[in-house]
Amino acid sequence: MQEEKVILVNEKDEQIGLMPKLEAHEKAILHRAFSVFVLNSKNEIMLQQRAHHKYHSPLLWTNTCCSHQRNGETNIKAGIRRLEEEMGFVTELKELFHFIYKAPFDNGLTEHELDHVMIGYYNDEPKINDEEVASWKWMAIDDVEKDIQENPEIYTVWFKIIFDEFYHFLEDHKL
């Protein structure tokens, strides 16, 4: 099976090429990505714990799902596709904002992403894909913020950035 390619972009989110995903992470090349946050009617966030075999950030807690857009795929279509692949359900998504971050990992890889953050709403249990997700839970927004301060090592770097810098976007979109 051919390795998935990521969309290389400039800081204006204009596509400048394609590259195999692992190579982009090895070379720390800026590429397009997305992060989906799903809230329920109690204004809790559905968190996922990444599968143990992920090549970076294994077993860390993070937003509902995240990944990379495919060439020619809109942000929303990519978010809906990956939400179904990882968490086993479909819901409407709305894009809130995007930001750029760069984070090196101990294994020599670096995430350098222009991350599109989306929100959706869902009240049922997911049907997680064990290849992608180790576990999941609902957690109140305020409890997540407090837990990140007390236990930062159990969360992914992008999730902590979103909470630290963009918390108000989630607060503004509670039901």
Protein backbone atom coordinates (compact mmCIF):
# COMPACT_ATOMS: atom_id res chain seq x y z
CA MET A 1 0.00 0.00 0.00
CA GLN A 2 1.34 3.41 -0.97
CA GLU A 3 2.12 5.79 1.89
CA GLU A 4 -0.39 8.57 2.38
CA LYS A 5 0.73 11.98 1.13
CA VAL A 6 0.19 15.26 2.93
CA ILE A 7 -0.51 18.62 1.29
CA LEU A 8 2.44 20.99 1.61
CA VAL A 9 1.35 24.60 2.09
CA ASN A 10 2.82 28.04 2.63
CA GLU A 11 1.83 30.25 5.57
CA LYS A 12 -1.17 31.53 3.56
CA ASP A 13 -2.47 27.92 3.29
CA GLU A 14 -1.78 27.84 -0.45
CA GLN A 15 -0.91 24.36 -1.71
CA ILE A 16 2.70 24.10 -2.92
CA GLY A 17 3.08 20.34 -3.31
CA LEU A 18 2.56 16.84 -1.95
CA MET A 19 4.92 14.69 0.12
CA PRO A 20 4.74 11.30 1.83
CA LYS A 21 3.49 11.84 5.39
CA LEU A 22 6.50 10.32 7.16
CA GLU A 23 8.95 12.31 5.03
CA ALA A 24 7.12 15.57 5.82
CA HIS A 25 7.39 14.77 9.54
CA GLU A 26 11.07 13.81 9.21
CA LYS A 27 11.90 17.07 7.37
CA ALA A 28 9.55 19.29 9.44
CA ILE A 29 7.87 20.65 6.30
CA LEU A 30 4.74 22.80 6.78
CA HIS A 31 1.66 20.84 5.73
CA ARG A 32 -2.13 21.05 6.05
CA ALA A 33 -3.89 19.21 8.87
CA PHE A 34 -7.11 19.37 10.87
CA SER A 35 -8.38 18.84 14.40
CA VAL A 36 -12.02 18.01 15.14
CA PHE A 37 -13.68 18.78 18.47
CA VAL A 38 -17.06 17.14 19.16
CA LEU A 39 -19.22 18.49 21.98
CA ASN A 40 -22.36 16.95 23.47
CA SER A 41 -25.45 18.66 24.88
CA LYS A 42 -23.75 18.82 28.31
CA ASN A 43 -20.93 20.86 26.70
CA GLU A 44 -18.44 18.07 27.25
CA ILE A 45 -15.71 17.34 24.72
CA MET A 46 -15.30 13.83 23.35
CA LEU A 47 -11.60 13.07 23.89
CA GLN A 48 -9.71 10.21 22.32
CA GLN A 49 -6.62 8.45 23.57
CA ARG A 50 -4.34 7.73 20.63
CA ALA A 51 -3.56 4.09 19.86
CA HIS A 52 -0.38 2.64 21.39
CA HIS A 53 1.30 1.98 18.01
CA LYS A 54 1.06 5.56 16.64
CA TYR A 55 4.50 6.72 15.50
CA HIS A 56 4.24 9.83 17.65
CA SER A 57 2.20 10.75 20.73
CA PRO A 58 1.02 7.17 21.42
CA LEU A 59 -1.50 6.79 24.25
CA LEU A 60 -1.77 10.55 24.74
CA TRP A 61 -5.20 12.17 25.11
CA THR A 62 -6.31 14.61 22.44
CA ASN A 63 -9.32 16.09 20.66
CA THR A 64 -11.99 13.87 19.10
CA CYS A 65 -9.97 13.21 15.94
CA CYS A 66 -7.26 14.72 13.80
CA SER A 67 -5.46 13.92 10.58
CA HIS A 68 -4.46 15.31 7.21
CA GLN A 69 -6.57 16.34 4.24
CA ARG A 70 -6.13 14.38 1.02
CA ASN A 71 -5.28 16.13 -2.22
CA GLY A 72 -8.45 17.79 -3.55
CA GLU A 73 -10.43 17.18 -0.34
CA THR A 74 -12.06 20.09 1.50
CA ASN A 75 -11.32 20.59 5.20
CA ILE A 76 -14.89 19.70 6.18
CA LYS A 77 -15.01 16.55 4.01
CA ALA A 78 -11.67 15.44 5.46
CA GLY A 79 -12.90 16.01 9.01
CA ILE A 80 -16.12 14.08 8.42
CA ARG A 81 -14.23 11.21 6.72
CA ARG A 82 -11.69 10.88 9.50
CA LEU A 83 -14.26 11.21 12.28
CA GLU A 84 -16.09 8.23 10.81
CA GLU A 85 -12.84 6.26 10.28
CA GLU A 86 -11.53 6.85 13.82
CA MET A 87 -14.66 7.26 15.97
CA GLY A 88 -17.31 5.45 13.92
CA PHE A 89 -19.91 8.20 13.54
CA VAL A 90 -20.81 11.10 11.27
CA THR A 91 -21.93 14.59 12.26
CA GLU A 92 -21.92 18.01 10.63
CA LEU A 93 -18.77 20.04 11.19
CA LYS A 94 -18.07 23.76 11.13
CA GLU A 95 -14.59 25.23 10.71
CA LEU A 96 -13.71 27.70 13.48
CA PHE A 97 -10.16 28.85 12.74
CA HIS A 98 -6.69 27.69 11.75
CA PHE A 99 -3.22 28.19 13.18
CA ILE A 100 0.37 27.10 12.55
CA TYR A 101 2.46 25.20 15.06
CA LYS A 102 5.77 23.36 15.07
CA ALA A 103 6.55 20.66 17.62
CA PRO A 104 9.56 18.30 17.61
CA PHE A 105 9.22 14.83 19.14
CA ASP A 106 11.77 12.63 20.92
CA ASN A 107 11.79 10.17 18.00
CA GLY A 108 13.26 12.72 15.54
CA LEU A 109 9.94 13.58 13.88
CA THR A 110 8.43 17.07 13.89
CA GLU A 111 4.85 18.19 13.44
CA HIS A 112 4.82 21.43 11.45
CA GLU A 113 1.20 21.97 10.58
CA LEU A 114 -1.29 24.54 9.46
CA ASP A 115 -4.11 23.06 11.53
CA HIS A 116 -7.77 23.72 10.65
CA VAL A 117 -9.88 23.40 13.81
CA MET A 118 -13.50 22.23 13.41
CA ILE A 119 -16.39 21.65 15.78
CA GLY A 120 -19.37 19.31 15.68
CA TYR A 121 -22.05 18.03 18.05
CA TYR A 122 -22.99 14.46 18.99
CA ASN A 123 -24.63 12.82 22.01
CA ASP A 124 -24.12 9.08 21.57
CA GLU A 125 -21.19 6.74 22.18
CA PRO A 126 -18.65 6.34 19.39
CA LYS A 127 -17.73 3.00 17.82
CA ILE A 128 -13.97 3.44 17.98
CA ASN A 129 -11.53 1.96 15.51
CA ASP A 130 -9.02 0.05 17.67
CA GLU A 131 -6.30 0.58 15.04
CA GLU A 132 -6.51 4.35 15.63
CA VAL A 133 -7.94 4.86 19.10
CA ALA A 134 -7.08 3.21 22.43
CA SER A 135 -9.93 4.75 24.44
CA TRP A 136 -12.31 7.71 24.64
CA LYS A 137 -14.25 9.75 27.20
CA TRP A 138 -16.49 12.79 27.60
CA MET A 139 -14.94 15.59 29.67
CA ALA A 140 -16.25 19.05 30.60
CA ILE A 141 -14.32 21.92 28.97
CA ASP A 142 -13.38 23.41 32.36
CA ASP A 143 -12.18 20.01 33.61
CA VAL A 144 -10.02 19.56 30.51
CA GLU A 145 -8.40 22.95 31.04
CA LYS A 146 -7.68 22.11 34.70
CA ASP A 147 -6.36 18.63 33.88
CA ILE A 148 -4.00 20.00 31.20
CA GLN A 149 -2.50 22.31 33.84
CA GLU A 150 -2.13 19.46 36.35
CA ASN A 151 -1.12 16.66 33.93
CA PRO A 152 0.30 18.23 30.74
CA GLU A 153 2.33 15.12 29.89
CA ILE A 154 -0.79 13.04 29.11
CA TYR A 155 -2.01 15.36 26.29
CA THR A 156 -0.84 15.91 22.71
CA VAL A 157 1.08 19.08 21.96
CA TRP A 158 -1.49 20.42 19.45
CA PHE A 159 -4.34 19.83 21.88
CA LYS A 160 -2.52 21.82 24.58
CA ILE A 161 -1.83 24.66 22.11
CA ILE A 162 -5.48 24.82 21.06
CA PHE A 163 -6.62 24.91 24.67
CA ASP A 164 -4.00 27.43 25.74
CA GLU A 165 -4.41 29.86 22.85
CA PHE A 166 -7.91 29.23 21.48
CA TYR A 167 -10.00 28.11 24.47
CA HIS A 168 -12.47 30.97 23.86
CA PHE A 169 -13.49 29.50 20.47
CA LEU A 170 -14.75 26.36 22.19
CA GLU A 171 -16.47 28.38 24.92
CA ASP A 172 -18.19 30.52 22.24
CA HIS A 173 -19.61 27.42 20.50
CA LYS A 174 -21.06 25.55 23.46
CA LEU A 175 -24.69 24.50 23.06
